[in-house]
Amino acid sequence: MRRKIAFGGIIFILGLVVLCLAQRSEDNKGNLASLKVGESISLPQPRLKGEMSLEEAIAKRRSVRSFTGTPLSLEEISQLLWAAQGITEAGEGLRAAPSAGATYPYEVYIVNKEGVFHYIPQGHRLEKIKQGDVIDELAAAAFGQMWIRDAGVVFVLSAIYERTARYGERAKMFVHIEAGHIAQNLHLQAVALKLGSVPVGSFDPERVKEITGIPEGEVVYLIPVGHPR
């Protein structure tokens, strides 16, 4: 009888161990640090209702240049990416920010201490394209703007002008206008999440591209987002 009880106890403990390992494996699926280059994860579904009104977010929006360095959660990253370029109308694939002729010339990347990641609007996914912490190098490429180093995440907007080429001479202007649409969505979403952000336009685009490993396009905008100090 005692042997049966002891054996049952061992089976129970082994079951708990397996359950814990399975849970840890499941948790790693949502952990950016656990991703290898070329792997991607599905992001948490964005919320369509928040605690702050649009009017309040507009009133509170300010450029923030002092961050605590605390990493952003995957939920926060998901919400910000959705606000920037998330698909909001599945039928035609229309996105959160307006685009000339729905050509969507921008690719959005994020940089944090785990590496560099590419946002894939279709399926609301994030793919790792580079391993390792390049934040200090990125700050140096932005001529020493240290708020880049201290932010939780830096958003990088890369423009592929050819997508909007059908507009001829006005194409480049339309692409640059769109960067403003995306950025404002990001800034307001950051405020709504009680985060801070700042637009950065002064940097060496070729150096940024080299550091991050972004494969195509021209880097137009950097937007650090983080917890305000």
C-alpha atoms as a PDB file:
ATOM      1  CA  MET A   1       0.000   0.000   0.000  1.00  0.00           C
ATOM      2  CA  ARG A   2       2.793   2.387   0.937  1.00  0.00           C
ATOM      3  CA  ARG A   3       4.593   1.579  -2.320  1.00  0.00           C
ATOM      4  CA  LYS A   4       1.472   2.452  -4.279  1.00  0.00           C
ATOM      5  CA  ILE A   5       1.155   5.793  -2.455  1.00  0.00           C
ATOM      6  CA  ALA A   6       4.845   6.566  -2.986  1.00  0.00           C
ATOM      7  CA  PHE A   7       4.617   5.631  -6.671  1.00  0.00           C
ATOM      8  CA  GLY A   8       1.505   7.798  -7.030  1.00  0.00           C
ATOM      9  CA  GLY A   9       3.359  10.691  -5.415  1.00  0.00           C
ATOM     10  CA  ILE A  10       6.265  10.335  -7.846  1.00  0.00           C
ATOM     11  CA  ILE A  11       3.873  10.323 -10.818  1.00  0.00           C
ATOM     12  CA  PHE A  12       2.161  13.437  -9.440  1.00  0.00           C
ATOM     13  CA  ILE A  13       5.478  15.282  -9.041  1.00  0.00           C
ATOM     14  CA  LEU A  14       6.620  14.273 -12.530  1.00  0.00           C
ATOM     15  CA  GLY A  15       3.334  15.542 -13.891  1.00  0.00           C
ATOM     16  CA  LEU A  16       3.880  18.909 -12.212  1.00  0.00           C
ATOM     17  CA  VAL A  17       7.409  19.119 -13.649  1.00  0.00           C
ATOM     18  CA  VAL A  18       6.144  18.397 -17.170  1.00  0.00           C
ATOM     19  CA  LEU A  19       3.370  20.970 -16.738  1.00  0.00           C
ATOM     20  CA  CYS A  20       5.847  23.614 -15.558  1.00  0.00           C
ATOM     21  CA  LEU A  21       8.205  22.900 -18.469  1.00  0.00           C
ATOM     22  CA  ALA A  22       5.337  23.101 -20.923  1.00  0.00           C
ATOM     23  CA  GLN A  23       4.211  26.395 -19.393  1.00  0.00           C
ATOM     24  CA  ARG A  24       7.757  27.768 -19.589  1.00  0.00           C
ATOM     25  CA  SER A  25       7.946  26.724 -23.250  1.00  0.00           C
ATOM     26  CA  GLU A  26       4.612  28.448 -23.896  1.00  0.00           C
ATOM     27  CA  ASP A  27       5.830  31.609 -22.132  1.00  0.00           C
ATOM     28  CA  ASN A  28       8.984  31.653 -24.287  1.00  0.00           C
ATOM     29  CA  LYS A  29       6.814  31.915 -27.367  1.00  0.00           C
ATOM     30  CA  GLY A  30       5.953  35.441 -26.252  1.00  0.00           C
ATOM     31  CA  ASN A  31       9.471  36.358 -25.235  1.00  0.00           C
ATOM     32  CA  LEU A  32      11.421  38.412 -27.787  1.00  0.00           C
ATOM     33  CA  ALA A  33      14.726  37.436 -26.187  1.00  0.00           C
ATOM     34  CA  SER A  34      14.053  33.754 -26.903  1.00  0.00           C
ATOM     35  CA  LEU A  35      13.557  34.308 -30.637  1.00  0.00           C
ATOM     36  CA  LYS A  36      16.306  33.386 -33.058  1.00  0.00           C
ATOM     37  CA  VAL A  37      17.035  35.380 -36.201  1.00  0.00           C
ATOM     38  CA  GLY A  38      14.422  34.489 -38.812  1.00  0.00           C
ATOM     39  CA  GLU A  39      11.849  33.376 -36.225  1.00  0.00           C
ATOM     40  CA  SER A  40       8.633  35.295 -35.643  1.00  0.00           C
ATOM     41  CA  ILE A  41       5.866  35.445 -33.068  1.00  0.00           C
ATOM     42  CA  SER A  42       2.224  36.461 -33.119  1.00  0.00           C
ATOM     43  CA  LEU A  43       1.710  39.612 -31.089  1.00  0.00           C
ATOM     44  CA  PRO A  44      -1.074  39.999 -28.502  1.00  0.00           C
ATOM     45  CA  GLN A  45      -4.283  41.285 -30.017  1.00  0.00           C
ATOM     46  CA  PRO A  46      -4.500  45.104 -29.774  1.00  0.00           C
ATOM     47  CA  ARG A  47      -7.161  46.690 -27.623  1.00  0.00           C
ATOM     48  CA  LEU A  48      -9.750  48.838 -29.395  1.00  0.00           C
ATOM     49  CA  LYS A  49     -10.814  50.684 -26.229  1.00  0.00           C
ATOM     50  CA  GLY A  50      -8.503  52.356 -23.764  1.00  0.00           C
ATOM     51  CA  GLU A  51      -8.687  54.286 -20.511  1.00  0.00           C
ATOM     52  CA  MET A  52      -7.836  57.672 -22.069  1.00  0.00           C
ATOM     53  CA  SER A  53      -9.879  59.623 -24.601  1.00  0.00           C
ATOM     54  CA  LEU A  54      -8.341  60.816 -27.859  1.00  0.00           C
ATOM     55  CA  GLU A  55      -8.835  64.417 -26.739  1.00  0.00           C
ATOM     56  CA  GLU A  56      -6.932  63.813 -23.503  1.00  0.00           C
ATOM     57  CA  ALA A  57      -4.094  62.073 -25.364  1.00  0.00           C
ATOM     58  CA  ILE A  58      -3.780  65.042 -27.740  1.00  0.00           C
ATOM     59  CA  ALA A  59      -3.725  67.478 -24.821  1.00  0.00           C
ATOM     60  CA  LYS A  60      -1.057  65.494 -22.952  1.00  0.00           C
ATOM     61  CA  ARG A  61       1.256  64.750 -25.889  1.00  0.00           C
ATOM     62  CA  ARG A  62       4.723  66.186 -25.373  1.00  0.00           C
ATOM     63  CA  SER A  63       8.192  65.184 -26.540  1.00  0.00           C
ATOM     64  CA  VAL A  64       9.801  63.140 -23.773  1.00  0.00           C
ATOM     65  CA  ARG A  65      13.589  62.813 -23.686  1.00  0.00           C
ATOM     66  CA  SER A  66      14.141  61.235 -20.291  1.00  0.00           C
ATOM     67  CA  PHE A  67      13.344  57.543 -19.865  1.00  0.00           C
ATOM     68  CA  THR A  68      13.833  55.029 -17.053  1.00  0.00           C
ATOM     69  CA  GLY A  69      15.271  52.357 -19.368  1.00  0.00           C
ATOM     70  CA  THR A  70      12.570  49.876 -18.300  1.00  0.00           C
ATOM     71  CA  PRO A  71      11.725  47.487 -21.149  1.00  0.00           C
ATOM     72  CA  LEU A  72       8.286  47.698 -22.719  1.00  0.00           C
ATOM     73  CA  SER A  73       5.962  44.737 -22.355  1.00  0.00           C
ATOM     74  CA  LEU A  74       4.980  42.703 -25.405  1.00  0.00           C
ATOM     75  CA  GLU A  75       1.432  44.030 -24.989  1.00  0.00           C
ATOM     76  CA  GLU A  76       2.681  47.630 -25.132  1.00  0.00           C
ATOM     77  CA  ILE A  77       4.847  46.904 -28.174  1.00  0.00           C
ATOM     78  CA  SER A  78       1.901  45.206 -29.867  1.00  0.00           C
ATOM     79  CA  GLN A  79      -0.405  48.166 -29.254  1.00  0.00           C
ATOM     80  CA  LEU A  80       2.149  50.677 -30.552  1.00  0.00           C
ATOM     81  CA  LEU A  81       2.874  48.686 -33.710  1.00  0.00           C
ATOM     82  CA  TRP A  82      -0.828  48.311 -34.383  1.00  0.00           C
ATOM     83  CA  ALA A  83      -1.311  52.080 -34.017  1.00  0.00           C
ATOM     84  CA  ALA A  84       1.563  52.681 -36.439  1.00  0.00           C
ATOM     85  CA  GLN A  85       0.794  50.215 -39.233  1.00  0.00           C
ATOM     86  CA  GLY A  86      -1.727  47.667 -37.979  1.00  0.00           C
ATOM     87  CA  ILE A  87      -4.393  46.387 -40.359  1.00  0.00           C
ATOM     88  CA  THR A  88      -7.743  47.888 -39.372  1.00  0.00           C
ATOM     89  CA  GLU A  89      -9.846  46.669 -42.298  1.00  0.00           C
ATOM     90  CA  ALA A  90      -9.178  43.061 -43.177  1.00  0.00           C
ATOM     91  CA  GLY A  91     -11.000  42.970 -46.518  1.00  0.00           C
ATOM     92  CA  GLU A  92      -8.710  45.410 -48.338  1.00  0.00           C
ATOM     93  CA  GLY A  93      -5.849  45.300 -45.858  1.00  0.00           C
ATOM     94  CA  LEU A  94      -6.243  48.963 -44.954  1.00  0.00           C
ATOM     95  CA  ARG A  95      -4.036  50.183 -42.116  1.00  0.00           C
ATOM     96  CA  ALA A  96      -4.206  52.483 -39.111  1.00  0.00           C
ATOM     97  CA  ALA A  97      -2.341  55.354 -40.826  1.00  0.00           C
ATOM     98  CA  PRO A  98      -3.482  56.797 -44.183  1.00  0.00           C
ATOM     99  CA  SER A  99      -1.344  56.157 -47.251  1.00  0.00           C
ATOM    100  CA  ALA A 100      -1.440  57.633 -50.765  1.00  0.00           C
ATOM    101  CA  GLY A 101      -3.340  55.117 -52.878  1.00  0.00           C
ATOM    102  CA  ALA A 102      -2.964  52.546 -50.052  1.00  0.00           C
ATOM    103  CA  THR A 103       0.568  51.888 -51.345  1.00  0.00           C
ATOM    104  CA  TYR A 104       2.042  51.626 -47.824  1.00  0.00           C
ATOM    105  CA  PRO A 105       5.682  52.447 -48.591  1.00  0.00           C
ATOM    106  CA  TYR A 106       6.875  52.042 -44.999  1.00  0.00           C
ATOM    107  CA  GLU A 107       8.372  49.058 -43.239  1.00  0.00           C
ATOM    108  CA  VAL A 108       8.409  49.392 -39.458  1.00  0.00           C
ATOM    109  CA  TYR A 109      11.193  47.969 -37.303  1.00  0.00           C
ATOM    110  CA  ILE A 110      11.821  48.080 -33.581  1.00  0.00           C
ATOM    111  CA  VAL A 111      15.153  48.005 -31.787  1.00  0.00           C
ATOM    112  CA  ASN A 112      15.636  47.028 -28.151  1.00  0.00           C
ATOM    113  CA  LYS A 113      18.282  45.271 -26.083  1.00  0.00           C
ATOM    114  CA  GLU A 114      17.218  41.867 -27.477  1.00  0.00           C
ATOM    115  CA  GLY A 115      17.881  42.820 -31.084  1.00  0.00           C
ATOM    116  CA  VAL A 116      16.163  44.220 -34.171  1.00  0.00           C
ATOM    117  CA  PHE A 117      12.672  43.145 -35.210  1.00  0.00           C
ATOM    118  CA  HIS A 118      10.533  43.636 -38.321  1.00  0.00           C
ATOM    119  CA  TYR A 119       6.799  44.232 -37.965  1.00  0.00           C
ATOM    120  CA  ILE A 120       4.611  42.189 -40.313  1.00  0.00           C
ATOM    121  CA  PRO A 121       1.111  43.750 -40.429  1.00  0.00           C
ATOM    122  CA  GLN A 122      -0.405  40.659 -42.056  1.00  0.00           C
ATOM    123  CA  GLY A 123      -1.097  38.451 -39.075  1.00  0.00           C
ATOM    124  CA  HIS A 124       0.174  41.122 -36.637  1.00  0.00           C
ATOM    125  CA  ARG A 125       3.568  39.443 -36.236  1.00  0.00           C
ATOM    126  CA  LEU A 126       7.101  40.382 -35.259  1.00  0.00           C
ATOM    127  CA  GLU A 127      10.176  38.783 -36.845  1.00  0.00           C
ATOM    128  CA  LYS A 128      13.711  38.981 -35.453  1.00  0.00           C
ATOM    129  CA  ILE A 129      16.191  40.114 -38.109  1.00  0.00           C
ATOM    130  CA  LYS A 130      19.240  40.756 -35.924  1.00  0.00           C
ATOM    131  CA  GLN A 131      20.450  39.394 -32.592  1.00  0.00           C
ATOM    132  CA  GLY A 132      22.140  41.479 -29.920  1.00  0.00           C
ATOM    133  CA  ASP A 133      22.076  44.898 -28.302  1.00  0.00           C
ATOM    134  CA  VAL A 134      22.875  47.691 -30.788  1.00  0.00           C
ATOM    135  CA  ILE A 135      21.186  50.501 -28.852  1.00  0.00           C
ATOM    136  CA  ASP A 136      24.419  52.347 -27.980  1.00  0.00           C
ATOM    137  CA  GLU A 137      25.528  52.207 -31.619  1.00  0.00           C
ATOM    138  CA  LEU A 138      22.129  53.495 -32.698  1.00  0.00           C
ATOM    139  CA  ALA A 139      22.390  56.430 -30.285  1.00  0.00           C
ATOM    140  CA  ALA A 140      25.853  57.203 -31.660  1.00  0.00           C
ATOM    141  CA  ALA A 141      24.467  57.140 -35.221  1.00  0.00           C
ATOM    142  CA  ALA A 142      21.939  59.732 -34.046  1.00  0.00           C
ATOM    143  CA  PHE A 143      24.823  62.002 -33.050  1.00  0.00           C
ATOM    144  CA  GLY A 144      24.756  61.079 -29.371  1.00  0.00           C
ATOM    145  CA  GLN A 145      21.069  61.569 -28.593  1.00  0.00           C
ATOM    146  CA  MET A 146      21.079  59.546 -25.379  1.00  0.00           C
ATOM    147  CA  TRP A 147      17.297  59.307 -25.060  1.00  0.00           C
ATOM    148  CA  ILE A 148      17.611  56.681 -27.786  1.00  0.00           C
ATOM    149  CA  ARG A 149      19.827  54.623 -25.480  1.00  0.00           C
ATOM    150  CA  ASP A 150      17.485  54.970 -22.487  1.00  0.00           C
ATOM    151  CA  ALA A 151      14.195  54.257 -24.298  1.00  0.00           C
ATOM    152  CA  GLY A 152      12.466  50.908 -23.906  1.00  0.00           C
ATOM    153  CA  VAL A 153      12.063  50.536 -27.677  1.00  0.00           C
ATOM    154  CA  VAL A 154      13.160  52.567 -30.711  1.00  0.00           C
ATOM    155  CA  PHE A 155      10.841  52.507 -33.728  1.00  0.00           C
ATOM    156  CA  VAL A 156      12.543  52.792 -37.108  1.00  0.00           C
ATOM    157  CA  LEU A 157      10.577  53.778 -40.223  1.00  0.00           C
ATOM    158  CA  SER A 158      12.131  52.685 -43.509  1.00  0.00           C
ATOM    159  CA  ALA A 159      10.649  54.045 -46.756  1.00  0.00           C
ATOM    160  CA  ILE A 160      10.518  52.061 -49.996  1.00  0.00           C
ATOM    161  CA  TYR A 161       9.789  54.886 -52.424  1.00  0.00           C
ATOM    162  CA  GLU A 162       9.172  52.601 -55.403  1.00  0.00           C
ATOM    163  CA  ARG A 163       5.845  51.510 -53.931  1.00  0.00           C
ATOM    164  CA  THR A 164       4.464  55.017 -54.416  1.00  0.00           C
ATOM    165  CA  ALA A 165       6.267  55.765 -57.700  1.00  0.00           C
ATOM    166  CA  ARG A 166       3.027  55.940 -59.699  1.00  0.00           C
ATOM    167  CA  TYR A 167       2.510  59.454 -58.325  1.00  0.00           C
ATOM    168  CA  GLY A 168       5.520  60.714 -60.266  1.00  0.00           C
ATOM    169  CA  GLU A 169       7.124  63.908 -59.005  1.00  0.00           C
ATOM    170  CA  ARG A 170       4.858  64.067 -55.963  1.00  0.00           C
ATOM    171  CA  ALA A 171       5.606  60.500 -54.836  1.00  0.00           C
ATOM    172  CA  LYS A 172       8.463  61.353 -52.481  1.00  0.00           C
ATOM    173  CA  MET A 173       6.448  64.119 -50.859  1.00  0.00           C
ATOM    174  CA  PHE A 174       3.537  61.716 -50.287  1.00  0.00           C
ATOM    175  CA  VAL A 175       5.892  59.210 -48.676  1.00  0.00           C
ATOM    176  CA  HIS A 176       7.282  61.839 -46.311  1.00  0.00           C
ATOM    177  CA  ILE A 177       3.775  63.035 -45.410  1.00  0.00           C
ATOM    178  CA  GLU A 178       2.899  59.466 -44.497  1.00  0.00           C
ATOM    179  CA  ALA A 179       5.773  59.314 -42.017  1.00  0.00           C
ATOM    180  CA  GLY A 180       3.998  62.103 -40.129  1.00  0.00           C
ATOM    181  CA  HIS A 181       0.742  60.133 -40.073  1.00  0.00           C
ATOM    182  CA  ILE A 182       2.476  57.061 -38.664  1.00  0.00           C
ATOM    183  CA  ALA A 183       4.477  59.047 -36.132  1.00  0.00           C
ATOM    184  CA  GLN A 184       1.468  60.917 -34.766  1.00  0.00           C
ATOM    185  CA  ASN A 185      -0.404  57.652 -34.290  1.00  0.00           C
ATOM    186  CA  LEU A 186       2.604  56.315 -32.383  1.00  0.00           C
ATOM    187  CA  HIS A 187       2.943  59.413 -30.202  1.00  0.00           C
ATOM    188  CA  LEU A 188      -0.742  59.465 -29.256  1.00  0.00           C
ATOM    189  CA  GLN A 189      -0.823  55.745 -28.563  1.00  0.00           C
ATOM    190  CA  ALA A 190       2.239  56.151 -26.348  1.00  0.00           C
ATOM    191  CA  VAL A 191       0.439  58.830 -24.314  1.00  0.00           C
ATOM    192  CA  ALA A 192      -2.643  56.616 -24.009  1.00  0.00           C
ATOM    193  CA  LEU A 193      -0.397  53.857 -22.600  1.00  0.00           C
ATOM    194  CA  LYS A 194       1.179  56.355 -20.158  1.00  0.00           C
ATOM    195  CA  LEU A 195       4.462  56.137 -22.024  1.00  0.00           C
ATOM    196  CA  GLY A 196       6.646  58.871 -23.477  1.00  0.00           C
ATOM    197  CA  SER A 197       8.004  59.343 -26.992  1.00  0.00           C
ATOM    198  CA  VAL A 198      10.057  61.766 -29.035  1.00  0.00           C
ATOM    199  CA  PRO A 199      10.498  62.210 -32.817  1.00  0.00           C
ATOM    200  CA  VAL A 200      14.117  61.997 -33.985  1.00  0.00           C
ATOM    201  CA  GLY A 201      15.060  63.187 -37.454  1.00  0.00           C
ATOM    202  CA  SER A 202      18.756  63.890 -36.955  1.00  0.00           C
ATOM    203  CA  PHE A 203      20.808  60.760 -37.688  1.00  0.00           C
ATOM    204  CA  ASP A 204      23.008  59.126 -40.299  1.00  0.00           C
ATOM    205  CA  PRO A 205      20.524  56.973 -42.298  1.00  0.00           C
ATOM    206  CA  GLU A 206      23.151  54.770 -43.900  1.00  0.00           C
ATOM    207  CA  ARG A 207      24.814  54.106 -40.548  1.00  0.00           C
ATOM    208  CA  VAL A 208      21.453  53.303 -38.944  1.00  0.00           C
ATOM    209  CA  LYS A 209      20.710  50.856 -41.744  1.00  0.00           C
ATOM    210  CA  GLU A 210      24.125  49.230 -41.329  1.00  0.00           C
ATOM    211  CA  ILE A 211      23.756  48.900 -37.546  1.00  0.00           C
ATOM    212  CA  THR A 212      20.230  47.493 -37.619  1.00  0.00           C
ATOM    213  CA  GLY A 213      20.588  45.238 -40.654  1.00  0.00           C
ATOM    214  CA  ILE A 214      17.438  46.646 -42.243  1.00  0.00           C
ATOM    215  CA  PRO A 215      17.465  45.028 -45.696  1.00  0.00           C
ATOM    216  CA  GLU A 216      15.660  47.598 -47.840  1.00  0.00           C
ATOM    217  CA  GLY A 217      14.458  51.163 -48.084  1.00  0.00           C
ATOM    218  CA  GLU A 218      15.742  54.445 -46.714  1.00  0.00           C
ATOM    219  CA  VAL A 219      15.554  55.161 -42.990  1.00  0.00           C
ATOM    220  CA  VAL A 220      13.412  58.275 -42.559  1.00  0.00           C
ATOM    221  CA  TYR A 221      12.450  58.421 -38.889  1.00  0.00           C
ATOM    222  CA  LEU A 222      13.499  57.194 -35.448  1.00  0.00           C
ATOM    223  CA  ILE A 223      10.980  57.293 -32.593  1.00  0.00           C
ATOM    224  CA  PRO A 224      12.175  56.265 -29.118  1.00  0.00           C
ATOM    225  CA  VAL A 225       9.362  55.184 -26.779  1.00  0.00           C
ATOM    226  CA  GLY A 226       9.714  54.398 -23.105  1.00  0.00           C
ATOM    227  CA  HIS A 227       8.604  54.894 -19.521  1.00  0.00           C
ATOM    228  CA  PRO A 228       9.089  58.584 -18.613  1.00  0.00           C
ATOM    229  CA  ARG A 229      11.561  59.280 -15.837  1.00  0.00           C
END
